[in-house]
Amino acid sequence: MIPRIHKQGSKTLGLVRYLYGKGTHEEHVDPHLVASFDGMAPDPGRDPSATKEELQQLLEQPLALLSADRRPEKHVWHCSVRAAPDDPVLSDEQWGDIARRMVAATGIDPGDGAGCRWAAVRHADDHIHIIATLVREDGRRPNHHRSGQRAQAEARLIEADYGLHRVAPGDGTAAKRTTSAERHKAERQGRDRAAREELRESVRRAVAGTASTDEFLDRLRDAGLLVRTKVLPSGDLKGYTVALPGDRNKNKEPVFYAGSTLAPDLSLPRIQERFALDADPLRANATSGSPTSAPATARRSTSHAAWQTLLALDHSTDDGAAAAQIAATGEVLDALAKTSALNTRQELRQAAGEFERASRSHTRAEFHHAQGLRRAARDLVRSGPALGRGEDGAGTAMVLDMLVFLTMAAAHWHAQRHHAQQAEAAHRAAEHLRAAYQQAAGEPFTVLRERGRRMAPSLYRHYARTLHAALPELADRIVTERGWDALAITIADAERAGHNPRTLLTEAATRRELDTADSISDVLVWRLRRSAGLPAYAPASTAPRINRANEQSAEVRRMPTPPSTNRAIRR
């Protein structure tokens, strides 16, 4: 349940007319009163003899207790309370009880017999609006300081009492929600999202891996945004504002948003913190004459950086460093979403959008601890779009596999510190990453599995024994997974490249847990191919030939291993 305190107004009748009107898109159905300060307020919705003006006059009567010069100019208090989409439809009586609890909790009508006058109007199944006059019956002003936080706290209690969807408590670091007016404007202009949301995503993407203020501003302009900057008398840049070219006000002028109004961490000083402490490595990389990395190479280096960050986050005792690493993970997701192939683009955009909430908390990020991930994000952006096939597609699968674990580690870190909204956001991002992984990994895993199925039976059993020796507690599960064929050929590739497969498997499994993986074999494939420096996958037409002189049917190849292992190898 989400309560929202709107800006204070000065026109009671205007708000009453809106609440009892048809709405801007005919969305108000059967508007009617569900509760009021005395239980006897007129209801212009269902009482033909009642008028909106009567309700206005009743609510505003306490203003007459004050002289004209003492009356507050902004005397209209407005709060909406909305249920979650999966909540049951509540009755009018239940919504009335919720309204009374909200005005009591926020200090509008605390129950002392002299509170403010208010009325609660319902014009849809899932929400109500509460209108009140900010003068009490005794002529004093109500104590409604921090009413937004008080309303949120009461909403958590209401959810528990009514068995409703439990919303994670916030901490004041979330980006500002779009208003209904912004959403309706976007619909009129034919856009899928409000301008604020589009700009927030564009600015986030521009931040990913940037090394300087000039580069950041250039990226904004390259994205097609209108950019204005404010310069101090000293010549230093103070801030920036951005606008969509097609988003204009009633005077046909572009509507500009300051970075800080898009999200707390998108103000210019907060963005500059990301590169001001350790900009030289990034700047040197940007200005060197080396060619831009290919998408596959950038994804492989990102996978390595994500692995190092994952291990650091698992054992971090420095909250500032961990917060920076989580924020930089958000930059990597934005960079991936910007450069991803069509088959994964939507899921990656959603993952990046969800993780945006997880990347920000009250813990101050110390970005000099996160330059590895920031350089990875920069490489992704500079390498350009991925084709989504061949090595590029496999490289995407490799990095996504690692990012699932990294986002889950971020969720765990936030949960330990009671950052409920951030933890939930990280979990949601991980789900989108899993979906993107399935889309990216389809082709490369098909090739790897086909190569594994054509392996000589003797080699197949040999690598199964290697697996059992290295991972005795996991081997039985792994050989039943669909990815076992791909893992078997990966072990073969690693051995052919001069590595000790048993050592690689042990290191891959022990440096971080595998129990939460959907497919252990999938995870091990990418960990082995990354740590051994193997190609993400070798297409069948160019794969090294394996002796198949004694190759038999799949059933024969998967016969039980010799008694020394007493293990059954199954697909």
Protein backbone atom coordinates (compact mmCIF):
# COMPACT_ATOMS: atom_id res chain seq x y z
CA MET A 1 0.00 0.00 0.00
CA ILE A 2 1.46 3.31 -1.12
CA PRO A 3 0.39 6.58 0.51
CA ARG A 4 1.45 9.77 -1.22
CA ILE A 5 1.30 13.28 0.22
CA HIS A 6 0.75 15.76 -2.61
CA LYS A 7 1.78 19.39 -2.71
CA GLN A 8 -0.33 21.69 -0.55
CA GLY A 9 -2.84 23.77 -2.48
CA SER A 10 -5.03 26.81 -2.06
CA LYS A 11 -8.23 25.79 -3.86
CA THR A 12 -10.45 23.33 -2.01
CA LEU A 13 -13.23 23.47 -4.59
CA GLY A 14 -10.84 22.75 -7.44
CA LEU A 15 -9.64 19.54 -5.81
CA VAL A 16 -13.19 18.51 -4.85
CA ARG A 17 -14.31 18.98 -8.45
CA TYR A 18 -11.42 16.83 -9.67
CA LEU A 19 -12.15 14.04 -7.16
CA TYR A 20 -15.83 13.95 -8.09
CA GLY A 21 -15.24 14.52 -11.80
CA LYS A 22 -14.69 12.05 -14.61
CA GLY A 23 -10.90 12.31 -14.48
CA THR A 24 -8.59 13.38 -17.26
CA HIS A 25 -9.14 10.09 -19.10
CA GLU A 26 -12.66 9.18 -17.92
CA GLU A 27 -11.01 6.93 -15.32
CA HIS A 28 -13.07 8.06 -12.30
CA VAL A 29 -15.90 5.56 -11.87
CA ASP A 30 -18.60 6.09 -9.23
CA PRO A 31 -16.77 8.71 -7.09
CA HIS A 32 -18.22 8.72 -3.58
CA LEU A 33 -17.41 9.45 0.04
CA VAL A 34 -16.12 6.60 2.23
CA ALA A 35 -15.31 8.59 5.40
CA SER A 36 -15.11 12.12 6.78
CA PHE A 37 -14.08 13.96 9.95
CA ASP A 38 -17.57 13.68 11.48
CA GLY A 39 -19.10 10.89 9.42
CA MET A 40 -21.81 13.20 8.18
CA ALA A 41 -20.21 15.23 5.38
CA PRO A 42 -22.31 15.66 2.23
CA ASP A 43 -21.51 13.25 -0.60
CA PRO A 44 -21.97 14.90 -4.02
CA GLY A 45 -21.28 11.56 -5.65
CA ARG A 46 -24.25 9.56 -4.40
CA ASP A 47 -26.53 12.15 -2.81
CA PRO A 48 -28.41 14.02 -5.55
CA SER A 49 -29.19 16.88 -3.14
CA ALA A 50 -25.55 17.43 -2.09
CA THR A 51 -23.25 19.74 -4.01
CA LYS A 52 -19.49 20.08 -4.28
CA GLU A 53 -19.77 23.63 -3.00
CA GLU A 54 -21.42 22.38 0.19
CA LEU A 55 -18.56 19.99 0.83
CA GLN A 56 -16.07 22.77 0.17
CA GLN A 57 -17.78 25.14 2.60
CA LEU A 58 -17.96 22.49 5.31
CA LEU A 59 -14.26 21.69 5.01
CA GLU A 60 -13.21 25.35 4.99
CA GLN A 61 -15.28 26.54 7.99
CA PRO A 62 -12.27 26.50 10.39
CA LEU A 63 -10.63 29.18 8.23
CA ALA A 64 -13.25 31.62 9.52
CA LEU A 65 -11.69 31.33 12.99
CA LEU A 66 -8.63 33.18 11.69
CA SER A 67 -8.34 36.73 10.47
CA ALA A 68 -7.60 37.11 6.78
CA ASP A 69 -3.94 37.93 7.39
CA ARG A 70 -3.47 34.79 9.54
CA ARG A 71 -5.03 32.28 7.20
CA PRO A 72 -2.50 30.02 5.48
CA GLU A 73 -2.29 30.57 1.75
CA LYS A 74 -1.74 26.87 1.11
CA HIS A 75 -4.41 25.35 3.29
CA VAL A 76 -5.43 22.29 1.21
CA TRP A 77 -3.84 18.98 2.26
CA HIS A 78 -4.12 16.09 -0.18
CA CYS A 79 -3.13 12.46 0.32
CA SER A 80 -3.76 9.49 -1.96
CA VAL A 81 -3.54 5.90 -0.75
CA ARG A 82 -3.19 3.14 -3.33
CA ALA A 83 -3.31 -0.65 -2.91
CA ALA A 84 -0.88 -2.99 -4.67
CA PRO A 85 -2.03 -4.55 -7.98
CA ASP A 86 -2.23 -8.01 -6.40
CA ASP A 87 -4.19 -6.89 -3.34
CA PRO A 88 -7.86 -7.91 -3.00
CA VAL A 89 -10.52 -5.28 -3.65
CA LEU A 90 -11.33 -3.62 -0.34
CA SER A 91 -14.82 -2.54 0.73
CA ASP A 92 -15.87 1.07 1.35
CA GLU A 93 -15.87 0.33 5.08
CA GLN A 94 -12.29 -0.91 4.91
CA TRP A 95 -11.15 2.10 2.92
CA GLY A 96 -12.93 4.34 5.41
CA ASP A 97 -11.01 2.72 8.26
CA ILE A 98 -7.75 3.18 6.32
CA ALA A 99 -8.55 6.87 5.79
CA ARG A 100 -9.19 7.41 9.52
CA ARG A 101 -5.91 5.69 10.39
CA MET A 102 -4.01 7.82 7.89
CA VAL A 103 -5.29 11.18 9.12
CA ALA A 104 -4.61 10.11 12.71
CA ALA A 105 -1.08 8.93 11.96
CA THR A 106 -0.15 12.03 9.96
CA GLY A 107 -1.44 14.47 12.59
CA ILE A 108 -4.30 15.80 10.45
CA ASP A 109 -6.93 14.45 12.85
CA PRO A 110 -5.08 12.87 15.80
CA GLY A 111 -8.31 12.06 17.68
CA ASP A 112 -8.23 14.84 20.28
CA GLY A 113 -11.63 16.18 19.23
CA ALA A 114 -10.28 19.32 17.57
CA GLY A 115 -8.47 18.02 14.50
CA CYS A 116 -8.68 19.22 10.92
CA ARG A 117 -11.75 18.67 8.81
CA TRP A 118 -11.26 16.07 6.11
CA ALA A 119 -13.07 13.81 3.65
CA ALA A 120 -12.01 10.62 1.86
CA VAL A 121 -13.23 10.03 -1.70
CA ARG A 122 -13.05 6.74 -3.59
CA HIS A 123 -13.34 6.76 -7.37
CA ALA A 124 -11.61 3.47 -8.21
CA ASP A 125 -11.29 0.00 -6.70
CA ASP A 126 -7.64 0.35 -5.74
CA HIS A 127 -7.26 3.78 -4.12
CA ILE A 128 -8.76 6.72 -2.24
CA HIS A 129 -7.99 10.43 -1.96
CA ILE A 130 -8.11 12.33 1.32
CA ILE A 131 -8.66 16.10 1.28
CA ALA A 132 -8.26 18.20 4.44
CA THR A 133 -8.08 21.83 5.55
CA LEU A 134 -4.86 22.66 7.39
CA VAL A 135 -6.55 24.55 10.21
CA ARG A 136 -7.88 22.69 13.25
CA GLU A 137 -11.28 23.19 14.85
CA ASP A 138 -9.57 25.23 17.58
CA GLY A 139 -7.92 27.55 15.03
CA ARG A 140 -4.42 26.11 15.44
CA ARG A 141 -2.29 24.57 12.72
CA PRO A 142 -1.95 20.78 12.80
CA ASN A 143 1.30 19.07 13.65
CA HIS A 144 1.81 17.23 10.37
CA HIS A 145 5.59 17.49 10.18
CA ARG A 146 7.11 14.56 8.27
CA SER A 147 3.60 13.41 7.38
CA GLY A 148 4.93 11.44 4.41
CA GLN A 149 7.12 9.22 6.58
CA ARG A 150 4.38 8.85 9.17
CA ALA A 151 1.94 7.79 6.45
CA GLN A 152 4.41 5.21 5.17
CA ALA A 153 4.88 3.77 8.65
CA GLU A 154 1.11 3.49 9.13
CA ALA A 155 0.77 1.85 5.71
CA ARG A 156 3.12 -0.93 6.82
CA LEU A 157 0.87 -1.58 9.84
CA ILE A 158 -2.25 -1.53 7.66
CA GLU A 159 -0.70 -4.08 5.29
CA ALA A 160 -0.05 -6.41 8.21
CA ASP A 161 -3.54 -5.95 9.69
CA TYR A 162 -5.35 -6.50 6.39
CA GLY A 163 -3.04 -9.19 5.01
CA LEU A 164 -2.07 -7.04 2.04
CA HIS A 165 1.07 -7.03 -0.09
CA ARG A 166 3.96 -5.95 2.16
CA VAL A 167 5.85 -3.03 0.67
CA ALA A 168 9.48 -2.74 1.72
CA PRO A 169 10.06 0.37 3.86
CA GLY A 170 11.96 3.14 2.11
CA ASP A 171 14.84 5.26 3.32
CA GLY A 172 14.36 8.45 1.35
CA THR A 173 16.96 7.64 -1.31
CA ALA A 174 14.58 6.57 -4.08
CA ALA A 175 14.19 8.63 -7.22
CA LYS A 176 11.14 10.86 -7.38
CA ARG A 177 8.08 9.10 -8.73
CA THR A 178 6.44 10.39 -11.87
CA THR A 179 3.19 12.22 -11.29
CA SER A 180 -0.11 11.31 -12.90
CA ALA A 181 0.09 14.56 -14.86
CA GLU A 182 3.47 13.52 -16.29
CA ARG A 183 2.12 10.10 -17.23
CA HIS A 184 -0.95 11.54 -18.91
CA LYS A 185 1.21 14.02 -20.81
CA ALA A 186 3.34 11.15 -22.10
CA GLU A 187 0.21 9.35 -23.29
CA ARG A 188 -0.96 12.46 -25.13
CA GLN A 189 2.44 12.76 -26.79
CA GLY A 190 2.46 9.09 -27.78
CA ARG A 191 5.39 8.12 -25.55
CA ASP A 192 5.60 4.87 -23.59
CA ARG A 193 7.07 6.54 -20.50
CA ALA A 194 7.04 9.91 -18.81
CA ALA A 195 9.81 12.32 -19.80
CA ARG A 196 11.33 12.08 -16.33
CA GLU A 197 11.77 8.31 -16.68
CA GLU A 198 13.27 8.54 -20.18
CA LEU A 199 15.70 11.21 -19.08
CA ARG A 200 16.71 9.29 -15.96
CA GLU A 201 17.62 6.24 -18.05
CA SER A 202 19.49 8.35 -20.63
CA VAL A 203 21.51 10.14 -17.97
CA ARG A 204 22.34 6.86 -16.22
CA ARG A 205 23.63 5.44 -19.48
CA ALA A 206 25.70 8.55 -20.08
CA VAL A 207 27.30 8.14 -16.65
CA ALA A 208 28.36 4.53 -17.30
CA GLY A 209 32.15 4.48 -17.38
CA THR A 210 32.63 8.19 -18.06
CA ALA A 211 36.01 9.63 -17.10
CA SER A 212 35.33 13.37 -17.17
CA THR A 213 32.59 15.99 -17.05
CA ASP A 214 33.12 16.91 -20.70
CA GLU A 215 32.73 13.29 -21.77
CA PHE A 216 29.54 12.98 -19.71
CA LEU A 217 28.00 16.09 -21.28
CA ASP A 218 29.06 14.96 -24.77
CA ARG A 219 27.31 11.63 -24.21
CA LEU A 220 24.11 13.42 -23.21
CA ARG A 221 24.18 15.44 -26.43
CA ASP A 222 25.02 12.35 -28.49
CA ALA A 223 21.91 10.71 -27.00
CA GLY A 224 19.83 13.49 -28.56
CA LEU A 225 19.04 15.34 -25.35
CA LEU A 226 18.90 19.11 -24.97
CA VAL A 227 21.56 20.10 -22.44
CA ARG A 228 22.04 23.31 -20.50
CA THR A 229 24.86 24.01 -18.07
CA LYS A 230 25.23 26.55 -15.30
CA VAL A 231 28.63 28.11 -14.83
CA LEU A 232 29.85 29.91 -11.72
CA PRO A 233 31.62 33.31 -11.95
CA SER A 234 34.86 31.42 -11.40
CA GLY A 235 34.24 29.51 -14.61
CA ASP A 236 33.60 26.22 -12.84
CA LEU A 237 30.59 24.20 -13.86
CA LYS A 238 27.86 24.25 -11.19
CA GLY A 239 25.25 21.95 -12.68
CA TYR A 240 23.32 20.79 -15.71
CA THR A 241 19.75 20.33 -16.90
CA VAL A 242 18.40 18.08 -19.65
CA ALA A 243 15.23 17.92 -21.72
CA LEU A 244 13.68 15.74 -24.40
CA PRO A 245 13.37 17.68 -27.67
CA GLY A 246 9.67 16.84 -27.99
CA ASP A 247 8.69 17.52 -24.37
CA ARG A 248 7.43 21.10 -24.17
CA ASN A 249 5.28 23.17 -21.84
CA LYS A 250 2.20 25.22 -22.72
CA ASN A 251 4.48 28.00 -24.01
CA LYS A 252 6.11 25.53 -26.45
CA GLU A 253 9.36 25.67 -24.49
CA PRO A 254 11.42 22.55 -23.64
CA VAL A 255 10.86 21.20 -20.12
CA PHE A 256 14.27 20.91 -18.47
CA TYR A 257 15.06 18.71 -15.47
CA ALA A 258 18.05 19.11 -13.21
CA GLY A 259 20.00 15.92 -12.64
CA SER A 260 19.23 15.98 -8.92
CA THR A 261 15.49 15.98 -9.67
CA LEU A 262 15.86 12.84 -11.78
CA ALA A 263 17.61 10.90 -9.00
CA PRO A 264 19.62 11.89 -5.90
CA ASP A 265 22.87 10.49 -7.33
CA LEU A 266 22.55 12.17 -10.75
CA SER A 267 23.47 15.66 -9.61
CA LEU A 268 26.70 16.89 -11.18
CA PRO A 269 28.75 16.78 -7.94
CA ARG A 270 27.62 13.21 -7.24
CA ILE A 271 28.45 12.14 -10.80
CA GLN A 272 31.87 13.78 -10.61
CA GLU A 273 32.63 11.77 -7.47
CA ARG A 274 32.71 8.69 -9.66
CA PHE A 275 35.79 9.83 -11.55
CA ALA A 276 37.26 12.73 -9.58
CA LEU A 277 39.08 10.48 -7.08
CA ASP A 278 40.75 8.19 -9.59
CA ALA A 279 40.28 9.56 -13.07
CA ASP A 280 43.78 9.06 -14.47
CA PRO A 281 43.52 5.34 -15.36
CA LEU A 282 40.27 5.91 -17.20
CA ARG A 283 41.50 9.05 -18.93
CA ALA A 284 44.69 7.32 -20.03
CA ASN A 285 42.67 4.45 -21.40
CA ALA A 286 40.41 6.87 -23.24
CA THR A 287 43.20 8.81 -24.86
CA SER A 288 45.53 5.98 -25.76
CA GLY A 289 46.01 5.05 -29.36
CA SER A 290 44.94 1.45 -28.78
CA PRO A 291 42.00 0.27 -30.84
CA THR A 292 38.59 0.03 -29.26
CA SER A 293 37.82 -3.39 -27.78
CA ALA A 294 35.54 -5.71 -29.67
CA PRO A 295 32.22 -6.44 -27.96
CA ALA A 296 33.26 -9.99 -27.11
CA THR A 297 36.57 -8.87 -25.60
CA ALA A 298 34.81 -6.19 -23.58
CA ARG A 299 32.36 -8.73 -22.24
CA ARG A 300 35.13 -11.13 -21.27
CA SER A 301 36.99 -8.36 -19.39
CA THR A 302 33.72 -7.33 -17.75
CA SER A 303 33.18 -10.90 -16.61
CA HIS A 304 36.62 -10.88 -15.01
CA ALA A 305 35.95 -7.53 -13.30
CA ALA A 306 32.57 -8.78 -12.05
CA TRP A 307 34.19 -11.91 -10.63
CA GLN A 308 36.79 -9.86 -8.73
CA THR A 309 34.04 -7.55 -7.44
CA LEU A 310 31.93 -10.52 -6.37
CA LEU A 311 34.74 -11.95 -4.29
CA ALA A 312 35.48 -8.53 -2.78
CA LEU A 313 31.81 -7.94 -1.96
CA ASP A 314 31.51 -11.32 -0.28
CA HIS A 315 34.25 -10.44 2.20
CA SER A 316 33.97 -6.64 2.34
CA THR A 317 34.17 -4.90 5.71
CA ASP A 318 34.25 -1.43 4.14
CA ASP A 319 30.70 -0.24 3.50
CA GLY A 320 31.87 2.70 1.40
CA ALA A 321 33.79 0.39 -0.90
CA ALA A 322 30.87 -2.04 -1.15
CA ALA A 323 28.43 0.78 -1.94
CA ALA A 324 30.72 1.97 -4.73
CA GLN A 325 31.04 -1.53 -6.17
CA ILE A 326 27.26 -1.92 -6.18
CA ALA A 327 26.80 1.48 -7.86
CA ALA A 328 29.43 0.56 -10.46
CA THR A 329 27.55 -2.69 -11.09
CA GLY A 330 24.64 -0.48 -12.08
CA GLU A 331 26.91 1.26 -14.59
CA VAL A 332 27.85 -2.10 -16.10
CA LEU A 333 24.18 -3.04 -16.45
CA ASP A 334 23.42 0.28 -18.13
CA ALA A 335 26.34 -0.21 -20.51
CA LEU A 336 25.20 -3.75 -21.35
CA ALA A 337 21.64 -2.58 -21.94
CA LYS A 338 22.93 0.14 -24.26
CA THR A 339 25.08 -2.22 -26.34
CA SER A 340 23.11 -5.46 -26.13
CA ALA A 341 21.72 -7.40 -29.04
CA LEU A 342 18.02 -7.27 -29.78
CA ASN A 343 17.24 -10.67 -28.25
CA THR A 344 18.47 -9.59 -24.79
CA ARG A 345 17.92 -5.83 -24.92
CA GLN A 346 14.53 -5.61 -23.23
CA GLU A 347 15.43 -7.85 -20.31
CA LEU A 348 18.72 -6.00 -19.79
CA ARG A 349 16.96 -2.62 -19.85
CA GLN A 350 14.57 -3.87 -17.21
CA ALA A 351 17.42 -5.31 -15.15
CA ALA A 352 19.28 -2.00 -15.29
CA GLY A 353 16.12 -0.09 -14.40
CA GLU A 354 15.41 -2.30 -11.40
CA PHE A 355 19.00 -2.26 -10.17
CA GLU A 356 19.00 1.54 -10.27
CA ARG A 357 17.18 1.45 -6.94
CA ALA A 358 19.70 -1.01 -5.52
CA SER A 359 22.64 1.18 -6.51
CA ARG A 360 21.73 3.98 -4.11
CA SER A 361 21.53 4.06 -0.30
CA HIS A 362 22.57 6.33 2.56
CA THR A 363 25.99 4.67 2.58
CA ARG A 364 28.40 7.05 0.89
CA ALA A 365 30.11 5.33 -2.03
CA GLU A 366 33.89 5.57 -2.27
CA PHE A 367 34.39 5.14 -5.98
CA HIS A 368 38.16 4.72 -5.97
CA HIS A 369 37.37 1.16 -4.88
CA ALA A 370 35.27 0.50 -8.00
CA GLN A 371 37.42 1.65 -10.90
CA GLY A 372 37.76 -1.88 -12.28
CA LEU A 373 34.04 -2.18 -12.90
CA ARG A 374 33.85 1.40 -14.16
CA ARG A 375 36.58 0.66 -16.71
CA ALA A 376 34.63 -2.43 -17.72
CA ALA A 377 31.51 -0.31 -18.29
CA ARG A 378 33.61 2.09 -20.34
CA ASP A 379 34.98 -0.75 -22.48
CA LEU A 380 31.46 -2.00 -23.12
CA VAL A 381 30.28 1.41 -24.29
CA ARG A 382 33.34 2.04 -26.44
CA SER A 383 33.24 -1.41 -28.03
CA GLY A 384 29.80 -0.69 -29.42
CA PRO A 385 26.77 -2.93 -30.00
CA ALA A 386 27.08 -6.70 -29.81
CA LEU A 387 25.88 -8.76 -32.70
CA GLY A 388 24.37 -11.40 -30.43
CA ARG A 389 25.89 -14.33 -32.29
CA GLY A 390 29.15 -16.24 -32.38
CA GLU A 391 31.70 -15.24 -29.76
CA ASP A 392 29.75 -12.04 -29.01
CA GLY A 393 26.65 -13.94 -27.95
CA ALA A 394 28.66 -16.36 -25.84
CA GLY A 395 30.55 -13.47 -24.27
CA THR A 396 27.23 -11.92 -23.27
CA ALA A 397 26.13 -15.20 -21.70
CA MET A 398 29.42 -15.43 -19.83
CA VAL A 399 29.11 -11.96 -18.29
CA LEU A 400 25.41 -12.36 -17.54
CA ASP A 401 26.09 -15.58 -15.68
CA MET A 402 28.53 -13.68 -13.47
CA LEU A 403 26.24 -10.66 -13.04
CA VAL A 404 23.42 -12.83 -11.71
CA PHE A 405 25.68 -13.83 -8.82
CA LEU A 406 26.88 -10.24 -8.37
CA THR A 407 23.37 -8.80 -8.15
CA MET A 408 22.40 -11.50 -5.66
CA ALA A 409 25.47 -10.62 -3.59
CA ALA A 410 24.33 -6.98 -3.68
CA ALA A 411 20.88 -8.06 -2.49
CA HIS A 412 22.48 -9.97 0.38
CA TRP A 413 24.64 -6.98 1.33
CA HIS A 414 21.62 -4.67 1.41
CA ALA A 415 19.51 -7.17 3.34
CA GLN A 416 22.17 -7.45 6.03
CA ARG A 417 21.93 -3.67 6.49
CA HIS A 418 18.11 -3.63 6.43
CA HIS A 419 17.97 -1.78 3.09
CA ALA A 420 14.71 -3.49 2.20
CA GLN A 421 13.84 -1.66 -1.01
CA GLN A 422 17.36 -1.98 -2.37
CA ALA A 423 17.46 -5.71 -1.60
CA GLU A 424 14.14 -6.29 -3.34
CA ALA A 425 15.29 -4.27 -6.37
CA ALA A 426 18.48 -6.32 -6.66
CA HIS A 427 16.44 -9.55 -6.55
CA ARG A 428 14.17 -8.27 -9.33
CA ALA A 429 17.19 -7.29 -11.42
CA ALA A 430 18.63 -10.78 -10.99
CA GLU A 431 15.44 -12.32 -12.37
CA HIS A 432 15.67 -10.20 -15.52
CA LEU A 433 19.34 -11.11 -15.86
CA ARG A 434 18.47 -14.80 -15.64
CA ALA A 435 15.94 -14.34 -18.44
CA ALA A 436 18.50 -12.46 -20.55
CA TYR A 437 21.06 -15.19 -19.88
CA GLN A 438 18.71 -17.90 -21.17
CA GLN A 439 18.26 -15.91 -24.37
CA ALA A 440 21.98 -15.23 -24.85
CA ALA A 441 23.22 -18.71 -23.92
CA GLY A 442 20.95 -20.70 -26.23
CA GLU A 443 23.19 -20.81 -29.32
CA PRO A 444 26.61 -21.21 -27.65
CA PHE A 445 25.37 -23.93 -25.30
CA THR A 446 23.78 -25.80 -28.17
CA VAL A 447 27.16 -25.84 -29.94
CA LEU A 448 29.02 -26.88 -26.79
CA ARG A 449 26.54 -29.65 -26.02
CA GLU A 450 26.77 -30.97 -29.58
CA ARG A 451 30.55 -31.04 -29.33
CA GLY A 452 30.26 -32.87 -26.01
CA ARG A 453 27.90 -35.48 -27.45
CA ARG A 454 30.39 -36.30 -30.22
CA MET A 455 33.19 -36.94 -27.73
CA ALA A 456 34.67 -40.45 -27.66
CA PRO A 457 33.03 -42.55 -24.89
CA SER A 458 36.35 -43.28 -23.24
CA LEU A 459 37.15 -39.58 -22.98
CA TYR A 460 33.61 -38.87 -21.81
CA ARG A 461 33.99 -41.29 -18.91
CA HIS A 462 37.48 -39.99 -18.19
CA TYR A 463 36.22 -36.44 -17.70
CA ALA A 464 33.29 -37.70 -15.63
CA ARG A 465 35.79 -39.32 -13.26
CA THR A 466 37.74 -36.04 -13.18
CA LEU A 467 34.54 -34.26 -12.16
CA HIS A 468 33.79 -36.79 -9.40
CA ALA A 469 37.33 -36.49 -8.06
CA ALA A 470 37.24 -32.69 -8.02
CA LEU A 471 33.64 -32.17 -6.83
CA PRO A 472 32.44 -35.37 -5.12
CA GLU A 473 29.49 -33.68 -3.41
CA LEU A 474 28.16 -32.02 -6.58
CA ALA A 475 29.07 -34.48 -9.33
CA ASP A 476 25.91 -36.60 -9.14
CA ARG A 477 23.75 -33.53 -9.59
CA ILE A 478 25.90 -32.07 -12.37
CA VAL A 479 25.84 -35.18 -14.59
CA THR A 480 22.03 -35.12 -14.60
CA GLU A 481 21.87 -31.54 -15.89
CA ARG A 482 21.39 -30.63 -19.54
CA GLY A 483 24.62 -28.65 -19.42
CA TRP A 484 26.84 -31.64 -18.53
CA ASP A 485 27.74 -32.26 -22.18
CA ALA A 486 28.90 -28.63 -22.50
CA LEU A 487 30.90 -28.93 -19.29
CA ALA A 488 32.54 -32.18 -20.45
CA ILE A 489 33.82 -30.59 -23.66
CA THR A 490 34.93 -27.54 -21.69
CA ILE A 491 37.02 -29.76 -19.40
CA ALA A 492 38.49 -31.33 -22.53
CA ASP A 493 39.28 -27.91 -24.02
CA ALA A 494 40.96 -26.83 -20.80
CA GLU A 495 43.12 -29.95 -20.67
CA ARG A 496 44.06 -29.54 -24.34
CA ALA A 497 45.12 -25.95 -23.56
CA GLY A 498 47.56 -27.22 -20.93
CA HIS A 499 45.51 -26.71 -17.75
CA ASN A 500 44.86 -29.18 -14.96
CA PRO A 501 41.06 -29.71 -15.18
CA ARG A 502 40.74 -31.00 -11.63
CA THR A 503 42.48 -27.91 -10.27
CA LEU A 504 40.31 -25.61 -12.38
CA LEU A 505 37.12 -27.34 -11.23
CA THR A 506 38.13 -27.21 -7.58
CA GLU A 507 39.01 -23.52 -7.76
CA ALA A 508 35.83 -22.68 -9.65
CA ALA A 509 33.67 -24.40 -7.06
CA THR A 510 35.46 -23.42 -3.85
CA ARG A 511 36.11 -19.74 -4.44
CA ARG A 512 32.37 -19.12 -4.24
CA GLU A 513 29.27 -21.24 -3.54
CA LEU A 514 27.31 -22.98 -6.29
CA ASP A 515 24.29 -24.29 -4.41
CA THR A 516 22.04 -21.37 -5.42
CA ALA A 517 22.78 -21.78 -9.14
CA ASP A 518 19.92 -22.88 -11.37
CA SER A 519 22.40 -25.00 -13.32
CA ILE A 520 25.77 -25.78 -11.75
CA SER A 521 27.12 -27.10 -15.05
CA ASP A 522 26.28 -23.81 -16.81
CA VAL A 523 28.09 -21.81 -14.15
CA LEU A 524 31.14 -24.07 -14.25
CA VAL A 525 31.33 -23.86 -18.04
CA TRP A 526 31.67 -20.09 -17.95
CA ARG A 527 33.98 -20.05 -14.93
CA LEU A 528 36.32 -22.58 -16.54
CA ARG A 529 36.32 -20.92 -19.94
CA ARG A 530 37.00 -17.53 -18.35
CA SER A 531 39.72 -18.65 -15.92
CA ALA A 532 41.44 -20.87 -18.52
CA GLY A 533 41.30 -18.18 -21.19
CA LEU A 534 39.36 -20.44 -23.54
CA PRO A 535 37.21 -19.07 -26.37
CA ALA A 536 33.67 -18.59 -25.12
CA TYR A 537 32.83 -21.46 -27.44
CA ALA A 538 34.29 -22.97 -30.58
CA PRO A 539 31.81 -23.48 -33.43
CA ALA A 540 31.51 -27.08 -34.47
CA SER A 541 32.95 -26.42 -37.94
CA THR A 542 36.25 -25.22 -36.47
CA ALA A 543 36.42 -27.31 -33.30
CA PRO A 544 39.46 -29.58 -32.84
CA ARG A 545 38.66 -33.11 -33.90
CA ILE A 546 38.34 -35.74 -31.20
CA ASN A 547 39.06 -39.41 -31.82
CA ARG A 548 35.72 -41.06 -32.47
CA ALA A 549 36.95 -44.45 -33.63
CA ASN A 550 35.09 -46.22 -30.85
CA GLU A 551 32.18 -43.82 -30.67
CA GLN A 552 28.92 -45.60 -29.88
CA SER A 553 25.37 -44.55 -29.20
CA ALA A 554 24.53 -42.02 -26.51
CA GLU A 555 23.17 -44.80 -24.31
CA VAL A 556 26.44 -46.71 -24.46
CA ARG A 557 28.56 -43.62 -23.86
CA ARG A 558 26.61 -42.94 -20.67
CA MET A 559 27.08 -46.39 -19.18
CA PRO A 560 28.00 -46.51 -15.47
CA THR A 561 31.61 -45.77 -14.64
CA PRO A 562 33.94 -48.50 -13.40
CA PRO A 563 33.43 -49.79 -9.85
CA SER A 564 36.21 -47.59 -8.53
CA THR A 565 33.89 -44.59 -8.76
CA ASN A 566 30.53 -46.41 -8.56
CA ARG A 567 28.84 -43.39 -10.16
CA ALA A 568 26.21 -43.33 -12.87
CA ILE A 569 26.76 -40.76 -15.56
CA ARG A 570 23.49 -39.50 -16.91
CA ARG A 571 22.47 -36.67 -19.14
